[in-house]
């Protein structure tokens, strides 16, 4: 029996995938960069992307903990814990 295996390795294929992934990252970062600029203006200081993501996480944790009224009690506790952790992380990032 002959084992016929074909290995395709083209630099073009991997480069196309990398280009598409870079475009997706740019599309996601574009609104985050706008938020970074807004936060920087409000806080009157420059922010990097990590600090911006920390602020976004703290805001999302706050809204998930406050907004939905129909959450079960354990989910509310989890949201509260997440909020506390996110705010502490945000404070450390901005210090």
PDB file of N, CA and C in Angstrom:
ATOM      1  N   UNK A   1       0.836  -1.177   0.000  1.00  0.00           N
ATOM      2  CA  UNK A   1       0.000   0.000   0.000  1.00  0.00           C
ATOM      3  C   UNK A   1       0.881   1.241   0.000  1.00  0.00           C
ATOM      4  N   UNK A   2       0.434   2.175  -0.720  1.00  0.00           N
ATOM      5  CA  UNK A   2       1.154   3.437  -0.777  1.00  0.00           C
ATOM      6  C   UNK A   2       0.367   4.474   0.010  1.00  0.00           C
ATOM      7  N   UNK A   3       1.066   5.168   0.861  1.00  0.00           N
ATOM      8  CA  UNK A   3       0.450   6.230   1.652  1.00  0.00           C
ATOM      9  C   UNK A   3       0.699   7.541   0.918  1.00  0.00           C
ATOM     10  N   UNK A   4      -0.354   8.065   0.367  1.00  0.00           N
ATOM     11  CA  UNK A   4      -0.207   9.307  -0.379  1.00  0.00           C
ATOM     12  C   UNK A   4      -0.753  10.453   0.471  1.00  0.00           C
ATOM     13  N   UNK A   5       0.147  11.233   0.965  1.00  0.00           N
ATOM     14  CA  UNK A   5      -0.232  12.409   1.737  1.00  0.00           C
ATOM     15  C   UNK A   5       0.299  13.637   1.026  1.00  0.00           C
ATOM     16  N   UNK A   6      -0.524  14.622   0.969  1.00  0.00           N
ATOM     17  CA  UNK A   6      -0.111  15.864   0.334  1.00  0.00           C
ATOM     18  C   UNK A   6      -0.104  16.955   1.395  1.00  0.00           C
ATOM     19  N   UNK A   7       0.999  17.594   1.531  1.00  0.00           N
ATOM     20  CA  UNK A   7       1.124  18.688   2.477  1.00  0.00           C
ATOM     21  C   UNK A   7       1.164  19.983   1.682  1.00  0.00           C
ATOM     22  N   UNK A   8       0.200  20.809   1.979  1.00  0.00           N
ATOM     23  CA  UNK A   8       0.133  22.104   1.303  1.00  0.00           C
ATOM     24  C   UNK A   8       0.628  23.174   2.264  1.00  0.00           C
ATOM     25  N   UNK A   9       1.681  23.781   1.911  1.00  0.00           N
ATOM     26  CA  UNK A   9       2.155  24.904   2.713  1.00  0.00           C
ATOM     27  C   UNK A   9       2.479  26.034   1.754  1.00  0.00           C
ATOM     28  N   UNK A  10       1.593  26.993   1.769  1.00  0.00           N
ATOM     29  CA  UNK A  10       1.802  28.141   0.907  1.00  0.00           C
ATOM     30  C   UNK A  10       1.903  29.382   1.767  1.00  0.00           C
ATOM     31  N   UNK A  11       2.875  30.174   1.512  1.00  0.00           N
ATOM     32  CA  UNK A  11       2.973  31.416   2.284  1.00  0.00           C
ATOM     33  C   UNK A  11       1.822  32.357   1.970  1.00  0.00           C
ATOM     34  N   UNK A  12       1.226  32.201   0.787  1.00  0.00           N
ATOM     35  CA  UNK A  12       0.123  33.085   0.406  1.00  0.00           C
ATOM     36  C   UNK A  12      -1.104  32.825   1.265  1.00  0.00           C
ATOM     37  N   UNK A  13      -1.393  31.554   1.526  1.00  0.00           N
ATOM     38  CA  UNK A  13      -2.571  31.221   2.327  1.00  0.00           C
ATOM     39  C   UNK A  13      -2.470  31.750   3.742  1.00  0.00           C
ATOM     40  N   UNK A  14      -1.334  31.533   4.376  1.00  0.00           N
ATOM     41  CA  UNK A  14      -1.175  32.012   5.748  1.00  0.00           C
ATOM     42  C   UNK A  14      -1.114  33.537   5.789  1.00  0.00           C
ATOM     43  N   UNK A  15      -0.574  34.126   4.747  1.00  0.00           N
ATOM     44  CA  UNK A  15      -0.516  35.593   4.722  1.00  0.00           C
ATOM     45  C   UNK A  15      -1.917  36.186   4.552  1.00  0.00           C
ATOM     46  N   UNK A  16      -2.749  35.551   3.739  1.00  0.00           N
ATOM     47  CA  UNK A  16      -4.122  36.036   3.576  1.00  0.00           C
ATOM     48  C   UNK A  16      -4.889  35.945   4.884  1.00  0.00           C
ATOM     49  N   UNK A  17      -4.693  34.858   5.604  1.00  0.00           N
ATOM     50  CA  UNK A  17      -5.371  34.704   6.895  1.00  0.00           C
ATOM     51  C   UNK A  17      -4.886  35.769   7.867  1.00  0.00           C
ATOM     52  N   UNK A  18      -3.593  35.994   7.908  1.00  0.00           N
ATOM     53  CA  UNK A  18      -3.033  37.010   8.807  1.00  0.00           C
ATOM     54  C   UNK A  18      -3.560  38.402   8.445  1.00  0.00           C
ATOM     55  N   UNK A  19      -3.658  38.689   7.155  1.00  0.00           N
ATOM     56  CA  UNK A  19      -4.189  39.989   6.722  1.00  0.00           C
ATOM     57  C   UNK A  19      -5.635  40.154   7.150  1.00  0.00           C
ATOM     58  N   UNK A  20      -6.429  39.100   7.002  1.00  0.00           N
ATOM     59  CA  UNK A  20      -7.842  39.183   7.403  1.00  0.00           C
ATOM     60  C   UNK A  20      -7.973  39.362   8.913  1.00  0.00           C
ATOM     61  N   UNK A  21      -7.153  38.641   9.665  1.00  0.00           N
ATOM     62  CA  UNK A  21      -7.185  38.802  11.120  1.00  0.00           C
ATOM     63  C   UNK A  21      -6.770  40.208  11.533  1.00  0.00           C
ATOM     64  N   UNK A  22      -5.770  40.758  10.865  1.00  0.00           N
ATOM     65  CA  UNK A  22      -5.358  42.136  11.160  1.00  0.00           C
ATOM     66  C   UNK A  22      -6.470  43.123  10.871  1.00  0.00           C
ATOM     67  N   UNK A  23      -7.198  42.903   9.796  1.00  0.00           N
ATOM     68  CA  UNK A  23      -8.328  43.794   9.474  1.00  0.00           C
ATOM     69  C   UNK A  23      -9.415  43.702  10.535  1.00  0.00           C
ATOM     70  N   UNK A  24      -9.688  42.493  11.015  1.00  0.00           N
ATOM     71  CA  UNK A  24     -10.703  42.320  12.051  1.00  0.00           C
ATOM     72  C   UNK A  24     -10.270  43.027  13.332  1.00  0.00           C
ATOM     73  N   UNK A  25      -9.007  42.871  13.706  1.00  0.00           N
ATOM     74  CA  UNK A  25      -8.491  43.541  14.910  1.00  0.00           C
ATOM     75  C   UNK A  25      -8.590  45.053  14.754  1.00  0.00           C
ATOM     76  N   UNK A  26      -8.267  45.567  13.588  1.00  0.00           N
ATOM     77  CA  UNK A  26      -8.375  47.008  13.344  1.00  0.00           C
ATOM     78  C   UNK A  26      -9.822  47.471  13.457  1.00  0.00           C
ATOM     79  N   UNK A  27     -10.761  46.676  12.938  1.00  0.00           N
ATOM     80  CA  UNK A  27     -12.177  47.049  13.011  1.00  0.00           C
ATOM     81  C   UNK A  27     -12.665  47.077  14.456  1.00  0.00           C
ATOM     82  N   UNK A  28     -12.203  46.127  15.275  1.00  0.00           N
ATOM     83  CA  UNK A  28     -12.599  46.093  16.678  1.00  0.00           C
ATOM     84  C   UNK A  28     -11.936  47.237  17.441  1.00  0.00           C
ATOM     85  N   UNK A  29     -10.688  47.516  17.131  1.00  0.00           N
ATOM     86  CA  UNK A  29      -9.954  48.558  17.859  1.00  0.00           C
ATOM     87  C   UNK A  29     -10.376  49.971  17.494  1.00  0.00           C
ATOM     88  N   UNK A  30     -10.974  50.155  16.344  1.00  0.00           N
ATOM     89  CA  UNK A  30     -11.361  51.504  15.924  1.00  0.00           C
ATOM     90  C   UNK A  30     -12.324  52.156  16.917  1.00  0.00           C
ATOM     91  N   UNK A  31     -13.448  51.517  17.282  1.00  0.00           N
ATOM     92  CA  UNK A  31     -14.320  52.170  18.268  1.00  0.00           C
ATOM     93  C   UNK A  31     -13.686  52.256  19.649  1.00  0.00           C
ATOM     94  N   UNK A  32     -12.858  51.261  20.003  1.00  0.00           N
ATOM     95  CA  UNK A  32     -12.176  51.312  21.300  1.00  0.00           C
ATOM     96  C   UNK A  32     -11.191  52.479  21.328  1.00  0.00           C
ATOM     97  N   UNK A  33     -10.555  52.735  20.218  1.00  0.00           N
ATOM     98  CA  UNK A  33      -9.635  53.871  20.145  1.00  0.00           C
ATOM     99  C   UNK A  33     -10.392  55.190  20.280  1.00  0.00           C
ATOM    100  N   UNK A  34     -11.581  55.257  19.700  1.00  0.00           N
ATOM    101  CA  UNK A  34     -12.404  56.460  19.878  1.00  0.00           C
ATOM    102  C   UNK A  34     -12.782  56.640  21.351  1.00  0.00           C
ATOM    103  N   UNK A  35     -13.135  55.536  22.018  1.00  0.00           N
ATOM    104  CA  UNK A  35     -13.428  55.610  23.445  1.00  0.00           C
ATOM    105  C   UNK A  35     -12.193  56.026  24.240  1.00  0.00           C
ATOM    106  N   UNK A  36     -11.034  55.517  23.853  1.00  0.00           N
ATOM    107  CA  UNK A  36      -9.789  55.879  24.521  1.00  0.00           C
ATOM    108  C   UNK A  36      -9.562  57.384  24.438  1.00  0.00           C
ATOM    109  N   UNK A  37      -9.795  57.946  23.258  1.00  0.00           N
ATOM    110  CA  UNK A  37      -9.626  59.388  23.083  1.00  0.00           C
ATOM    111  C   UNK A  37     -10.643  60.166  23.923  1.00  0.00           C
ATOM    112  N   UNK A  38     -11.880  59.671  23.983  1.00  0.00           N
ATOM    113  CA  UNK A  38     -12.910  60.322  24.791  1.00  0.00           C
ATOM    114  C   UNK A  38     -12.550  60.268  26.274  1.00  0.00           C
ATOM    115  N   UNK A  39     -12.180  59.071  26.759  1.00  0.00           N
ATOM    116  CA  UNK A  39     -11.790  58.937  28.163  1.00  0.00           C
ATOM    117  C   UNK A  39     -10.600  59.831  28.482  1.00  0.00           C
ATOM    118  N   UNK A  40      -9.639  59.900  27.584  1.00  0.00           N
ATOM    119  CA  UNK A  40      -8.461  60.737  27.799  1.00  0.00           C
ATOM    120  C   UNK A  40      -8.864  62.206  27.932  1.00  0.00           C
ATOM    121  N   UNK A  41      -9.824  62.608  27.122  1.00  0.00           N
ATOM    122  CA  UNK A  41     -10.287  63.992  27.189  1.00  0.00           C
ATOM    123  C   UNK A  41     -11.017  64.248  28.504  1.00  0.00           C
ATOM    124  N   UNK A  42     -11.863  63.321  28.921  1.00  0.00           N
ATOM    125  CA  UNK A  42     -12.618  63.493  30.158  1.00  0.00           C
ATOM    126  C   UNK A  42     -11.687  63.460  31.377  1.00  0.00           C
ATOM    127  N   UNK A  43     -10.745  62.523  31.375  1.00  0.00           N
ATOM    128  CA  UNK A  43      -9.837  62.386  32.516  1.00  0.00           C
ATOM    129  C   UNK A  43      -8.658  63.347  32.464  1.00  0.00           C
ATOM    130  N   UNK A  44      -8.524  64.051  31.349  1.00  0.00           N
ATOM    131  CA  UNK A  44      -7.448  65.015  31.130  1.00  0.00           C
ATOM    132  C   UNK A  44      -6.074  64.381  31.307  1.00  0.00           C
ATOM    133  N   UNK A  45      -5.911  63.189  30.720  1.00  0.00           N
ATOM    134  CA  UNK A  45      -4.632  62.488  30.703  1.00  0.00           C
ATOM    135  C   UNK A  45      -4.654  61.447  29.597  1.00  0.00           C
ATOM    136  N   UNK A  46      -3.480  61.069  29.150  1.00  0.00           N
ATOM    137  CA  UNK A  46      -3.387  60.051  28.106  1.00  0.00           C
ATOM    138  C   UNK A  46      -3.657  58.665  28.693  1.00  0.00           C
ATOM    139  N   UNK A  47      -4.322  57.828  27.908  1.00  0.00           N
ATOM    140  CA  UNK A  47      -4.606  56.458  28.310  1.00  0.00           C
ATOM    141  C   UNK A  47      -4.087  55.506  27.253  1.00  0.00           C
ATOM    142  N   UNK A  48      -3.631  54.341  27.687  1.00  0.00           N
ATOM    143  CA  UNK A  48      -3.272  53.312  26.719  1.00  0.00           C
ATOM    144  C   UNK A  48      -4.468  52.370  26.544  1.00  0.00           C
ATOM    145  N   UNK A  49      -4.315  51.418  25.660  1.00  0.00           N
ATOM    146  CA  UNK A  49      -5.438  50.522  25.356  1.00  0.00           C
ATOM    147  C   UNK A  49      -5.795  49.645  26.558  1.00  0.00           C
ATOM    148  N   UNK A  50      -4.805  49.231  27.336  1.00  0.00           N
ATOM    149  CA  UNK A  50      -5.093  48.398  28.510  1.00  0.00           C
ATOM    150  C   UNK A  50      -5.944  49.165  29.520  1.00  0.00           C
ATOM    151  N   UNK A  51      -5.627  50.419  29.746  1.00  0.00           N
ATOM    152  CA  UNK A  51      -6.419  51.242  30.654  1.00  0.00           C
ATOM    153  C   UNK A  51      -7.829  51.445  30.115  1.00  0.00           C
ATOM    154  N   UNK A  52      -7.924  51.620  28.810  1.00  0.00           N
ATOM    155  CA  UNK A  52      -9.233  51.801  28.192  1.00  0.00           C
ATOM    156  C   UNK A  52     -10.078  50.545  28.363  1.00  0.00           C
ATOM    157  N   UNK A  53      -9.486  49.380  28.119  1.00  0.00           N
ATOM    158  CA  UNK A  53     -10.230  48.125  28.291  1.00  0.00           C
ATOM    159  C   UNK A  53     -10.637  47.934  29.749  1.00  0.00           C
ATOM    160  N   UNK A  54      -9.830  48.377  30.692  1.00  0.00           N
ATOM    161  CA  UNK A  54     -10.196  48.283  32.108  1.00  0.00           C
ATOM    162  C   UNK A  54     -11.409  49.147  32.417  1.00  0.00           C
ATOM    163  N   UNK A  55     -11.430  50.344  31.871  1.00  0.00           N
ATOM    164  CA  UNK A  55     -12.595  51.220  32.060  1.00  0.00           C
ATOM    165  C   UNK A  55     -13.848  50.613  31.437  1.00  0.00           C
ATOM    166  N   UNK A  56     -13.707  50.053  30.253  1.00  0.00           N
ATOM    167  CA  UNK A  56     -14.852  49.420  29.584  1.00  0.00           C
ATOM    168  C   UNK A  56     -15.355  48.243  30.407  1.00  0.00           C
ATOM    169  N   UNK A  57     -14.431  47.423  30.895  1.00  0.00           N
ATOM    170  CA  UNK A  57     -14.839  46.267  31.706  1.00  0.00           C
ATOM    171  C   UNK A  57     -15.581  46.701  32.965  1.00  0.00           C
ATOM    172  N   UNK A  58     -15.098  47.730  33.631  1.00  0.00           N
ATOM    173  CA  UNK A  58     -15.765  48.216  34.844  1.00  0.00           C
ATOM    174  C   UNK A  58     -17.167  48.721  34.523  1.00  0.00           C
ATOM    175  N   UNK A  59     -17.319  49.409  33.402  1.00  0.00           N
ATOM    176  CA  UNK A  59     -18.639  49.906  33.025  1.00  0.00           C
ATOM    177  C   UNK A  59     -19.592  48.768  32.676  1.00  0.00           C
ATOM    178  N   UNK A  60     -19.098  47.770  31.946  1.00  0.00           N
ATOM    179  CA  UNK A  60     -19.945  46.626  31.598  1.00  0.00           C
ATOM    180  C   UNK A  60     -20.348  45.876  32.861  1.00  0.00           C
ATOM    181  N   UNK A  61     -19.411  45.676  33.785  1.00  0.00           N
ATOM    182  CA  UNK A  61     -19.730  44.996  35.037  1.00  0.00           C
ATOM    183  C   UNK A  61     -20.778  45.784  35.828  1.00  0.00           C
ATOM    184  N   UNK A  62     -20.661  47.094  35.832  1.00  0.00           N
ATOM    185  CA  UNK A  62     -21.645  47.924  36.529  1.00  0.00           C
ATOM    186  C   UNK A  62     -23.030  47.771  35.910  1.00  0.00           C
ATOM    187  N   UNK A  63     -23.116  47.894  34.605  1.00  0.00           N
ATOM    188  CA  UNK A  63     -24.415  47.809  33.950  1.00  0.00           C
ATOM    189  C   UNK A  63     -25.031  46.416  34.072  1.00  0.00           C
ATOM    190  N   UNK A  64     -24.221  45.370  34.015  1.00  0.00           N
ATOM    191  CA  UNK A  64     -24.773  44.022  34.191  1.00  0.00           C
ATOM    192  C   UNK A  64     -25.221  43.782  35.624  1.00  0.00           C
ATOM    193  N   UNK A  65     -24.617  44.466  36.561  1.00  0.00           N
ATOM    194  CA  UNK A  65     -25.022  44.317  37.950  1.00  0.00           C
ATOM    195  C   UNK A  65     -26.232  45.151  38.323  1.00  0.00           C
ATOM    196  N   UNK A  66     -26.441  46.243  37.624  1.00  0.00           N
ATOM    197  CA  UNK A  66     -27.502  47.179  37.997  1.00  0.00           C
ATOM    198  C   UNK A  66     -28.731  47.063  37.095  1.00  0.00           C
ATOM    199  N   UNK A  67     -28.525  46.949  35.818  1.00  0.00           N
ATOM    200  CA  UNK A  67     -29.629  47.081  34.868  1.00  0.00           C
ATOM    201  C   UNK A  67     -30.645  45.935  34.892  1.00  0.00           C
ATOM    202  N   UNK A  68     -30.259  44.688  34.676  1.00  0.00           N
ATOM    203  CA  UNK A  68     -31.288  43.641  34.590  1.00  0.00           C
ATOM    204  C   UNK A  68     -31.888  43.337  35.957  1.00  0.00           C
ATOM    205  N   UNK A  69     -33.185  43.590  36.088  1.00  0.00           N
ATOM    206  CA  UNK A  69     -33.845  43.429  37.375  1.00  0.00           C
ATOM    207  C   UNK A  69     -34.159  41.959  37.645  1.00  0.00           C
ATOM    208  N   UNK A  70     -34.365  41.158  36.614  1.00  0.00           N
ATOM    209  CA  UNK A  70     -34.822  39.790  36.794  1.00  0.00           C
ATOM    210  C   UNK A  70     -33.744  38.764  37.057  1.00  0.00           C
ATOM    211  N   UNK A  71     -32.546  39.177  37.407  1.00  0.00           N
ATOM    212  CA  UNK A  71     -31.469  38.221  37.689  1.00  0.00           C
ATOM    213  C   UNK A  71     -31.761  37.453  38.967  1.00  0.00           C
ATOM    214  N   UNK A  72     -31.351  36.202  38.984  1.00  0.00           N
ATOM    215  CA  UNK A  72     -31.419  35.418  40.213  1.00  0.00           C
ATOM    216  C   UNK A  72     -30.363  35.944  41.186  1.00  0.00           C
ATOM    217  N   UNK A  73     -30.570  35.689  42.455  1.00  0.00           N
ATOM    218  CA  UNK A  73     -29.675  36.215  43.487  1.00  0.00           C
ATOM    219  C   UNK A  73     -28.217  35.784  43.289  1.00  0.00           C
ATOM    220  N   UNK A  74     -27.932  34.507  42.984  1.00  0.00           N
ATOM    221  CA  UNK A  74     -26.527  34.133  42.773  1.00  0.00           C
ATOM    222  C   UNK A  74     -25.872  34.885  41.609  1.00  0.00           C
ATOM    223  N   UNK A  75     -26.626  35.172  40.569  1.00  0.00           N
ATOM    224  CA  UNK A  75     -26.078  35.943  39.448  1.00  0.00           C
ATOM    225  C   UNK A  75     -25.799  37.379  39.862  1.00  0.00           C
ATOM    226  N   UNK A  76     -26.642  37.926  40.701  1.00  0.00           N
ATOM    227  CA  UNK A  76     -26.401  39.285  41.197  1.00  0.00           C
ATOM    228  C   UNK A  76     -25.126  39.333  42.043  1.00  0.00           C
ATOM    229  N   UNK A  77     -24.927  38.304  42.873  1.00  0.00           N
ATOM    230  CA  UNK A  77     -23.711  38.242  43.689  1.00  0.00           C
ATOM    231  C   UNK A  77     -22.491  38.133  42.781  1.00  0.00           C
ATOM    232  N   UNK A  78     -22.569  37.285  41.748  1.00  0.00           N
ATOM    233  CA  UNK A  78     -21.452  37.135  40.804  1.00  0.00           C
ATOM    234  C   UNK A  78     -21.168  38.458  40.099  1.00  0.00           C
ATOM    235  N   UNK A  79     -22.228  39.173  39.693  1.00  0.00           N
ATOM    236  CA  UNK A  79     -22.041  40.468  39.033  1.00  0.00           C
ATOM    237  C   UNK A  79     -21.415  41.480  39.987  1.00  0.00           C
ATOM    238  N   UNK A  80     -21.811  41.444  41.247  1.00  0.00           N
ATOM    239  CA  UNK A  80     -21.246  42.352  42.241  1.00  0.00           C
ATOM    240  C   UNK A  80     -19.759  42.059  42.464  1.00  0.00           C
ATOM    241  N   UNK A  81     -19.421  40.782  42.549  1.00  0.00           N
ATOM    242  CA  UNK A  81     -18.011  40.406  42.715  1.00  0.00           C
ATOM    243  C   UNK A  81     -17.208  40.848  41.499  1.00  0.00           C
ATOM    244  N   UNK A  82     -17.770  40.622  40.300  1.00  0.00           N
ATOM    245  CA  UNK A  82     -17.081  41.046  39.081  1.00  0.00           C
ATOM    246  C   UNK A  82     -16.877  42.558  39.084  1.00  0.00           C
ATOM    247  N   UNK A  83     -17.899  43.303  39.514  1.00  0.00           N
ATOM    248  CA  UNK A  83     -17.787  44.759  39.569  1.00  0.00           C
ATOM    249  C   UNK A  83     -16.663  45.187  40.513  1.00  0.00           C
ATOM    250  N   UNK A  84     -16.602  44.578  41.684  1.00  0.00           N
ATOM    251  CA  UNK A  84     -15.556  44.936  42.647  1.00  0.00           C
ATOM    252  C   UNK A  84     -14.176  44.649  42.075  1.00  0.00           C
ATOM    253  N   UNK A  85     -14.019  43.471  41.468  1.00  0.00           N
ATOM    254  CA  UNK A  85     -12.726  43.101  40.881  1.00  0.00           C
ATOM    255  C   UNK A  85     -12.373  44.045  39.725  1.00  0.00           C
ATOM    256  N   UNK A  86     -13.346  44.355  38.882  1.00  0.00           N
ATOM    257  CA  UNK A  86     -13.099  45.225  37.725  1.00  0.00           C
ATOM    258  C   UNK A  86     -12.727  46.640  38.161  1.00  0.00           C
ATOM    259  N   UNK A  87     -13.388  47.152  39.191  1.00  0.00           N
ATOM    260  CA  UNK A  87     -13.080  48.505  39.669  1.00  0.00           C
ATOM    261  C   UNK A  87     -11.683  48.548  40.292  1.00  0.00           C
ATOM    262  N   UNK A  88     -11.348  47.523  41.064  1.00  0.00           N
ATOM    263  CA  UNK A  88      -9.995  47.475  41.649  1.00  0.00           C
ATOM    264  C   UNK A  88      -8.931  47.413  40.555  1.00  0.00           C
ATOM    265  N   UNK A  89      -9.175  46.581  39.549  1.00  0.00           N
ATOM    266  CA  UNK A  89      -8.238  46.460  38.435  1.00  0.00           C
ATOM    267  C   UNK A  89      -8.114  47.792  37.699  1.00  0.00           C
ATOM    268  N   UNK A  90      -9.229  48.456  37.508  1.00  0.00           N
ATOM    269  CA  UNK A  90      -9.233  49.743  36.819  1.00  0.00           C
ATOM    270  C   UNK A  90      -8.441  50.779  37.621  1.00  0.00           C
ATOM    271  N   UNK A  91      -8.637  50.799  38.924  1.00  0.00           N
ATOM    272  CA  UNK A  91      -7.906  51.742  39.769  1.00  0.00           C
ATOM    273  C   UNK A  91      -6.415  51.491  39.712  1.00  0.00           C
ATOM    274  N   UNK A  92      -6.023  50.220  39.694  1.00  0.00           N
ATOM    275  CA  UNK A  92      -4.595  49.897  39.594  1.00  0.00           C
ATOM    276  C   UNK A  92      -4.027  50.324  38.232  1.00  0.00           C
ATOM    277  N   UNK A  93      -4.803  50.127  37.185  1.00  0.00           N
ATOM    278  CA  UNK A  93      -4.338  50.494  35.850  1.00  0.00           C
ATOM    279  C   UNK A  93      -4.190  52.013  35.721  1.00  0.00           C
ATOM    280  N   UNK A  94      -5.061  52.749  36.369  1.00  0.00           N
ATOM    281  CA  UNK A  94      -5.043  54.209  36.222  1.00  0.00           C
ATOM    282  C   UNK A  94      -4.144  54.900  37.252  1.00  0.00           C
ATOM    283  N   UNK A  95      -3.632  54.148  38.201  1.00  0.00           N
ATOM    284  CA  UNK A  95      -2.781  54.763  39.235  1.00  0.00           C
ATOM    285  C   UNK A  95      -1.444  55.194  38.675  1.00  0.00           C
TER     286      UNK A  95
END
